[in-house]
Amino acid sequence: MKTRLPTQDRKREIIQIALQMAFKVGPAQLTTGMIAAELGLSQPAIYKHFPSKDDLMAEIAQHLGQRITQNIANASQTKGAPVERLKTLVLGHLHLLQECPALPEFMIMRDRNGGHVNLHDTIQGAMMAFNAALESDVKAAVAKGQFRMDLNTPDATTLIFGVIQSLVLRMLVSRNPGILTADGARLLNLQLAGFMATGDDG
């Protein structure tokens, strides 16, 4: 018999398993029955905490949005030069993606019905904040003389974000989240080297 957990602990467990299963089968194909089977619970036990799949999706969106927002906050508190803050922001996001590799697939879900709308919009809102923080760090690095003065901030931001996107694509093809952090720092440093005023890696 499955151990009885406090409500909040059980909800967190269901969300974590849902994220793991979503990476395996895709968010749209995920069912409460799959989650229940993986946890050794009955479907009514899932419905006790999440009355519908849309309710579960809304909680997942909130969870992922909070994780993205927390990473932005952590990076903003990084001491040192803007480039160090930028690296903390990007590498922190890659760590999050490695822990929650289904996140990109939740972002590009095409089913805009029911709770999926809120899920998509919540995560998109958090990612817009991430992109704004990234652009702010690039601008600060230019102002501090770390990046070239002629560097176009939106273009540089797009290229840095492209490092994340290329790693995510490789992960989705290989189904190996480990490459995100294994290769992330090296590829990010390679990209940033092209922006440096002094030609070093900051």
C-alpha atoms as a PDB file:
ATOM      1  CA  MET A   1       0.000   0.000   0.000  1.00  0.00           C
ATOM      2  CA  LYS A   2       1.246   3.475  -0.895  1.00  0.00           C
ATOM      3  CA  THR A   3       2.431   5.487   2.119  1.00  0.00           C
ATOM      4  CA  ARG A   4       0.011   8.237   3.077  1.00  0.00           C
ATOM      5  CA  LEU A   5       1.641  11.646   2.680  1.00  0.00           C
ATOM      6  CA  PRO A   6       0.538  15.093   3.843  1.00  0.00           C
ATOM      7  CA  THR A   7      -1.522  16.855   1.174  1.00  0.00           C
ATOM      8  CA  GLN A   8       1.188  19.305   0.072  1.00  0.00           C
ATOM      9  CA  ASP A   9       3.824  16.578  -0.099  1.00  0.00           C
ATOM     10  CA  ARG A  10       1.521  14.399  -2.192  1.00  0.00           C
ATOM     11  CA  LYS A  11       0.721  17.281  -4.539  1.00  0.00           C
ATOM     12  CA  ARG A  12       4.423  17.968  -5.033  1.00  0.00           C
ATOM     13  CA  GLU A  13       5.018  14.279  -5.728  1.00  0.00           C
ATOM     14  CA  ILE A  14       2.225  14.195  -8.305  1.00  0.00           C
ATOM     15  CA  ILE A  15       3.614  17.293 -10.047  1.00  0.00           C
ATOM     16  CA  GLN A  16       7.137  15.840 -10.152  1.00  0.00           C
ATOM     17  CA  ILE A  17       5.922  12.538 -11.583  1.00  0.00           C
ATOM     18  CA  ALA A  18       3.714  14.384 -14.068  1.00  0.00           C
ATOM     19  CA  LEU A  19       6.759  16.338 -15.283  1.00  0.00           C
ATOM     20  CA  GLN A  20       8.805  13.156 -15.618  1.00  0.00           C
ATOM     21  CA  MET A  21       6.038  11.372 -17.497  1.00  0.00           C
ATOM     22  CA  ALA A  22       5.419  14.401 -19.716  1.00  0.00           C
ATOM     23  CA  PHE A  23       9.018  14.222 -20.942  1.00  0.00           C
ATOM     24  CA  LYS A  24       8.539  10.556 -21.797  1.00  0.00           C
ATOM     25  CA  VAL A  25       5.180  10.725 -23.573  1.00  0.00           C
ATOM     26  CA  GLY A  26       4.592  14.434 -24.255  1.00  0.00           C
ATOM     27  CA  PRO A  27       2.366  16.780 -22.236  1.00  0.00           C
ATOM     28  CA  ALA A  28      -0.652  16.399 -24.520  1.00  0.00           C
ATOM     29  CA  GLN A  29      -0.576  12.600 -24.202  1.00  0.00           C
ATOM     30  CA  LEU A  30      -0.128  12.648 -20.425  1.00  0.00           C
ATOM     31  CA  THR A  31      -3.104  11.250 -18.491  1.00  0.00           C
ATOM     32  CA  THR A  32      -4.000  11.088 -14.822  1.00  0.00           C
ATOM     33  CA  GLY A  33      -4.189   7.318 -15.257  1.00  0.00           C
ATOM     34  CA  MET A  34      -0.500   7.215 -16.233  1.00  0.00           C
ATOM     35  CA  ILE A  35       0.432   9.311 -13.223  1.00  0.00           C
ATOM     36  CA  ALA A  36      -1.626   7.180 -10.875  1.00  0.00           C
ATOM     37  CA  ALA A  37      -0.069   3.966 -12.222  1.00  0.00           C
ATOM     38  CA  GLU A  38       3.452   5.377 -11.874  1.00  0.00           C
ATOM     39  CA  LEU A  39       2.766   6.345  -8.256  1.00  0.00           C
ATOM     40  CA  GLY A  40       0.887   3.172  -7.387  1.00  0.00           C
ATOM     41  CA  LEU A  41      -2.256   5.163  -6.635  1.00  0.00           C
ATOM     42  CA  SER A  42      -5.834   5.042  -7.870  1.00  0.00           C
ATOM     43  CA  GLN A  43      -7.116   7.771 -10.192  1.00  0.00           C
ATOM     44  CA  PRO A  44      -9.529   8.993  -7.499  1.00  0.00           C
ATOM     45  CA  ALA A  45      -6.464   9.587  -5.309  1.00  0.00           C
ATOM     46  CA  ILE A  46      -5.112  11.928  -7.986  1.00  0.00           C
ATOM     47  CA  TYR A  47      -8.487  13.658  -8.332  1.00  0.00           C
ATOM     48  CA  LYS A  48      -8.531  14.260  -4.601  1.00  0.00           C
ATOM     49  CA  HIS A  49      -5.684  16.731  -5.114  1.00  0.00           C
ATOM     50  CA  PHE A  50      -6.378  17.778  -8.710  1.00  0.00           C
ATOM     51  CA  PRO A  51     -10.074  17.520  -9.708  1.00  0.00           C
ATOM     52  CA  SER A  52      -9.156  17.547 -13.415  1.00  0.00           C
ATOM     53  CA  LYS A  53      -6.165  17.386 -15.710  1.00  0.00           C
ATOM     54  CA  ASP A  54      -6.586  21.125 -16.358  1.00  0.00           C
ATOM     55  CA  ASP A  55      -6.183  21.766 -12.630  1.00  0.00           C
ATOM     56  CA  LEU A  56      -2.995  19.703 -12.653  1.00  0.00           C
ATOM     57  CA  MET A  57      -1.724  21.585 -15.707  1.00  0.00           C
ATOM     58  CA  ALA A  58      -2.380  24.907 -13.981  1.00  0.00           C
ATOM     59  CA  GLU A  59      -0.327  23.775 -10.964  1.00  0.00           C
ATOM     60  CA  ILE A  60       2.479  22.587 -13.238  1.00  0.00           C
ATOM     61  CA  ALA A  61       2.501  25.961 -15.000  1.00  0.00           C
ATOM     62  CA  GLN A  62       2.676  27.775 -11.691  1.00  0.00           C
ATOM     63  CA  HIS A  63       5.465  25.490 -10.494  1.00  0.00           C
ATOM     64  CA  LEU A  64       7.543  25.974 -13.644  1.00  0.00           C
ATOM     65  CA  GLY A  65       6.885  29.714 -13.716  1.00  0.00           C
ATOM     66  CA  GLN A  66       8.023  30.016 -10.114  1.00  0.00           C
ATOM     67  CA  ARG A  67      11.195  28.061 -10.850  1.00  0.00           C
ATOM     68  CA  ILE A  68      12.041  30.341 -13.774  1.00  0.00           C
ATOM     69  CA  THR A  69      11.308  33.431 -11.682  1.00  0.00           C
ATOM     70  CA  GLN A  70      13.411  32.128  -8.792  1.00  0.00           C
ATOM     71  CA  ASN A  71      16.350  31.548 -11.128  1.00  0.00           C
ATOM     72  CA  ILE A  72      16.087  35.153 -12.329  1.00  0.00           C
ATOM     73  CA  ALA A  73      16.040  36.370  -8.721  1.00  0.00           C
ATOM     74  CA  ASN A  74      19.045  34.204  -7.794  1.00  0.00           C
ATOM     75  CA  ALA A  75      21.052  35.500 -10.747  1.00  0.00           C
ATOM     76  CA  SER A  76      20.192  39.109  -9.931  1.00  0.00           C
ATOM     77  CA  GLN A  77      21.866  38.653  -6.545  1.00  0.00           C
ATOM     78  CA  THR A  78      25.117  37.389  -8.044  1.00  0.00           C
ATOM     79  CA  LYS A  79      28.018  39.551  -6.942  1.00  0.00           C
ATOM     80  CA  GLY A  80      30.620  40.716  -9.400  1.00  0.00           C
ATOM     81  CA  ALA A  81      30.564  41.918 -12.986  1.00  0.00           C
ATOM     82  CA  PRO A  82      27.478  41.792 -15.261  1.00  0.00           C
ATOM     83  CA  VAL A  83      28.933  38.919 -17.295  1.00  0.00           C
ATOM     84  CA  GLU A  84      29.065  36.764 -14.172  1.00  0.00           C
ATOM     85  CA  ARG A  85      25.425  37.589 -13.490  1.00  0.00           C
ATOM     86  CA  LEU A  86      24.580  36.687 -17.083  1.00  0.00           C
ATOM     87  CA  LYS A  87      26.382  33.345 -16.823  1.00  0.00           C
ATOM     88  CA  THR A  88      24.584  32.561 -13.564  1.00  0.00           C
ATOM     89  CA  LEU A  89      21.260  33.342 -15.224  1.00  0.00           C
ATOM     90  CA  VAL A  90      21.845  31.150 -18.274  1.00  0.00           C
ATOM     91  CA  LEU A  91      23.480  28.237 -16.481  1.00  0.00           C
ATOM     92  CA  GLY A  92      20.793  28.341 -13.798  1.00  0.00           C
ATOM     93  CA  HIS A  93      18.161  28.048 -16.511  1.00  0.00           C
ATOM     94  CA  LEU A  94      19.986  25.095 -18.055  1.00  0.00           C
ATOM     95  CA  HIS A  95      20.029  23.382 -14.658  1.00  0.00           C
ATOM     96  CA  LEU A  96      16.290  23.963 -14.409  1.00  0.00           C
ATOM     97  CA  LEU A  97      15.756  22.484 -17.866  1.00  0.00           C
ATOM     98  CA  GLN A  98      17.832  19.461 -16.919  1.00  0.00           C
ATOM     99  CA  GLU A  99      15.638  18.929 -13.847  1.00  0.00           C
ATOM    100  CA  CYS A 100      12.422  19.628 -15.781  1.00  0.00           C
ATOM    101  CA  PRO A 101      13.174  18.617 -19.389  1.00  0.00           C
ATOM    102  CA  ALA A 102       9.489  18.660 -20.308  1.00  0.00           C
ATOM    103  CA  LEU A 103       9.383  22.460 -19.875  1.00  0.00           C
ATOM    104  CA  PRO A 104      10.112  23.277 -23.551  1.00  0.00           C
ATOM    105  CA  GLU A 105       7.386  20.886 -24.700  1.00  0.00           C
ATOM    106  CA  PHE A 106       4.866  22.532 -22.385  1.00  0.00           C
ATOM    107  CA  MET A 107       5.796  25.885 -23.947  1.00  0.00           C
ATOM    108  CA  ILE A 108       5.069  24.789 -27.511  1.00  0.00           C
ATOM    109  CA  MET A 109       1.863  22.832 -26.909  1.00  0.00           C
ATOM    110  CA  ARG A 110      -0.554  23.594 -29.748  1.00  0.00           C
ATOM    111  CA  ASP A 111      -3.698  22.609 -27.885  1.00  0.00           C
ATOM    112  CA  ARG A 112      -4.948  25.989 -26.641  1.00  0.00           C
ATOM    113  CA  ASN A 113      -8.088  24.627 -25.008  1.00  0.00           C
ATOM    114  CA  GLY A 114      -9.013  24.657 -21.337  1.00  0.00           C
ATOM    115  CA  GLY A 115      -6.176  24.785 -18.830  1.00  0.00           C
ATOM    116  CA  HIS A 116      -3.556  24.531 -21.559  1.00  0.00           C
ATOM    117  CA  VAL A 117      -4.075  28.217 -22.347  1.00  0.00           C
ATOM    118  CA  ASN A 118      -3.193  29.253 -18.814  1.00  0.00           C
ATOM    119  CA  LEU A 119      -0.277  26.820 -18.750  1.00  0.00           C
ATOM    120  CA  HIS A 120       1.200  28.210 -21.946  1.00  0.00           C
ATOM    121  CA  ASP A 121       0.639  31.846 -20.981  1.00  0.00           C
ATOM    122  CA  THR A 122       2.053  31.441 -17.474  1.00  0.00           C
ATOM    123  CA  ILE A 123       5.275  29.885 -18.710  1.00  0.00           C
ATOM    124  CA  GLN A 124       5.538  32.345 -21.592  1.00  0.00           C
ATOM    125  CA  GLY A 125       5.214  35.231 -19.138  1.00  0.00           C
ATOM    126  CA  ALA A 126       8.046  33.859 -17.009  1.00  0.00           C
ATOM    127  CA  MET A 127      10.229  33.347 -20.094  1.00  0.00           C
ATOM    128  CA  MET A 128       9.603  36.924 -21.206  1.00  0.00           C
ATOM    129  CA  ALA A 129      10.938  38.024 -17.825  1.00  0.00           C
ATOM    130  CA  PHE A 130      13.940  35.739 -18.335  1.00  0.00           C
ATOM    131  CA  ASN A 131      14.648  37.296 -21.725  1.00  0.00           C
ATOM    132  CA  ALA A 132      14.317  40.795 -20.254  1.00  0.00           C
ATOM    133  CA  ALA A 133      16.819  39.906 -17.512  1.00  0.00           C
ATOM    134  CA  LEU A 134      19.183  38.509 -20.134  1.00  0.00           C
ATOM    135  CA  GLU A 135      18.959  41.685 -22.206  1.00  0.00           C
ATOM    136  CA  SER A 136      19.497  43.817 -19.104  1.00  0.00           C
ATOM    137  CA  ASP A 137      22.684  41.897 -18.262  1.00  0.00           C
ATOM    138  CA  VAL A 138      23.984  42.299 -21.816  1.00  0.00           C
ATOM    139  CA  LYS A 139      23.302  46.046 -21.683  1.00  0.00           C
ATOM    140  CA  ALA A 140      25.068  46.302 -18.320  1.00  0.00           C
ATOM    141  CA  ALA A 141      28.083  44.397 -19.647  1.00  0.00           C
ATOM    142  CA  VAL A 142      28.348  46.870 -22.538  1.00  0.00           C
ATOM    143  CA  ALA A 143      28.037  49.829 -20.156  1.00  0.00           C
ATOM    144  CA  LYS A 144      30.768  48.370 -17.919  1.00  0.00           C
ATOM    145  CA  GLY A 145      33.097  47.879 -20.864  1.00  0.00           C
ATOM    146  CA  GLN A 146      33.083  44.083 -20.660  1.00  0.00           C
ATOM    147  CA  PHE A 147      31.344  43.734 -24.013  1.00  0.00           C
ATOM    148  CA  ARG A 148      32.197  45.796 -27.097  1.00  0.00           C
ATOM    149  CA  MET A 149      30.598  49.224 -27.154  1.00  0.00           C
ATOM    150  CA  ASP A 150      29.231  48.603 -30.658  1.00  0.00           C
ATOM    151  CA  LEU A 151      27.473  45.388 -29.611  1.00  0.00           C
ATOM    152  CA  ASN A 152      23.789  45.361 -30.522  1.00  0.00           C
ATOM    153  CA  THR A 153      21.992  44.337 -27.307  1.00  0.00           C
ATOM    154  CA  PRO A 154      18.922  42.629 -28.871  1.00  0.00           C
ATOM    155  CA  ASP A 155      21.120  40.713 -31.330  1.00  0.00           C
ATOM    156  CA  ALA A 156      23.499  39.584 -28.582  1.00  0.00           C
ATOM    157  CA  THR A 157      20.555  38.524 -26.421  1.00  0.00           C
ATOM    158  CA  THR A 158      19.135  36.500 -29.298  1.00  0.00           C
ATOM    159  CA  LEU A 159      22.471  34.753 -29.867  1.00  0.00           C
ATOM    160  CA  ILE A 160      22.846  33.874 -26.177  1.00  0.00           C
ATOM    161  CA  PHE A 161      19.289  32.571 -26.107  1.00  0.00           C
ATOM    162  CA  GLY A 162      20.199  30.600 -29.208  1.00  0.00           C
ATOM    163  CA  VAL A 163      22.778  28.663 -27.170  1.00  0.00           C
ATOM    164  CA  ILE A 164      19.949  27.539 -24.884  1.00  0.00           C
ATOM    165  CA  GLN A 165      17.667  26.710 -27.809  1.00  0.00           C
ATOM    166  CA  SER A 166      20.282  24.658 -29.625  1.00  0.00           C
ATOM    167  CA  LEU A 167      20.982  22.635 -26.488  1.00  0.00           C
ATOM    168  CA  VAL A 168      17.262  22.117 -25.925  1.00  0.00           C
ATOM    169  CA  LEU A 169      16.831  20.863 -29.493  1.00  0.00           C
ATOM    170  CA  ARG A 170      19.689  18.419 -29.043  1.00  0.00           C
ATOM    171  CA  MET A 171      18.142  17.256 -25.781  1.00  0.00           C
ATOM    172  CA  LEU A 172      14.758  16.679 -27.399  1.00  0.00           C
ATOM    173  CA  VAL A 173      16.326  14.685 -30.225  1.00  0.00           C
ATOM    174  CA  SER A 174      18.688  12.654 -28.029  1.00  0.00           C
ATOM    175  CA  ARG A 175      16.299  12.478 -25.034  1.00  0.00           C
ATOM    176  CA  ASN A 176      19.357  13.155 -22.877  1.00  0.00           C
ATOM    177  CA  PRO A 177      18.930  16.136 -20.502  1.00  0.00           C
ATOM    178  CA  GLY A 178      22.488  15.666 -19.264  1.00  0.00           C
ATOM    179  CA  ILE A 179      23.921  17.485 -22.279  1.00  0.00           C
ATOM    180  CA  LEU A 180      22.401  20.761 -21.090  1.00  0.00           C
ATOM    181  CA  THR A 181      24.839  21.289 -18.238  1.00  0.00           C
ATOM    182  CA  ALA A 182      27.601  19.088 -19.656  1.00  0.00           C
ATOM    183  CA  ASP A 183      27.999  21.320 -22.718  1.00  0.00           C
ATOM    184  CA  GLY A 184      26.242  24.511 -21.629  1.00  0.00           C
ATOM    185  CA  ALA A 185      29.071  26.374 -19.892  1.00  0.00           C
ATOM    186  CA  ARG A 186      31.552  25.659 -22.681  1.00  0.00           C
ATOM    187  CA  LEU A 187      29.217  26.778 -25.463  1.00  0.00           C
ATOM    188  CA  LEU A 188      28.103  29.854 -23.531  1.00  0.00           C
ATOM    189  CA  ASN A 189      31.712  30.920 -22.959  1.00  0.00           C
ATOM    190  CA  LEU A 190      32.442  30.387 -26.636  1.00  0.00           C
ATOM    191  CA  GLN A 191      29.517  32.640 -27.575  1.00  0.00           C
ATOM    192  CA  LEU A 192      30.402  35.334 -25.033  1.00  0.00           C
ATOM    193  CA  ALA A 193      34.038  35.405 -26.186  1.00  0.00           C
ATOM    194  CA  GLY A 194      32.854  36.971 -29.421  1.00  0.00           C
ATOM    195  CA  PHE A 195      31.267  39.853 -27.499  1.00  0.00           C
ATOM    196  CA  MET A 196      34.206  40.707 -25.252  1.00  0.00           C
ATOM    197  CA  ALA A 197      35.864  44.070 -25.523  1.00  0.00           C
ATOM    198  CA  THR A 198      39.231  42.541 -24.586  1.00  0.00           C
ATOM    199  CA  GLY A 199      38.804  39.245 -26.422  1.00  0.00           C
ATOM    200  CA  ASP A 200      38.942  37.179 -23.211  1.00  0.00           C
ATOM    201  CA  ASP A 201      36.186  35.104 -21.676  1.00  0.00           C
ATOM    202  CA  GLY A 202      35.341  37.456 -18.813  1.00  0.00           C
END
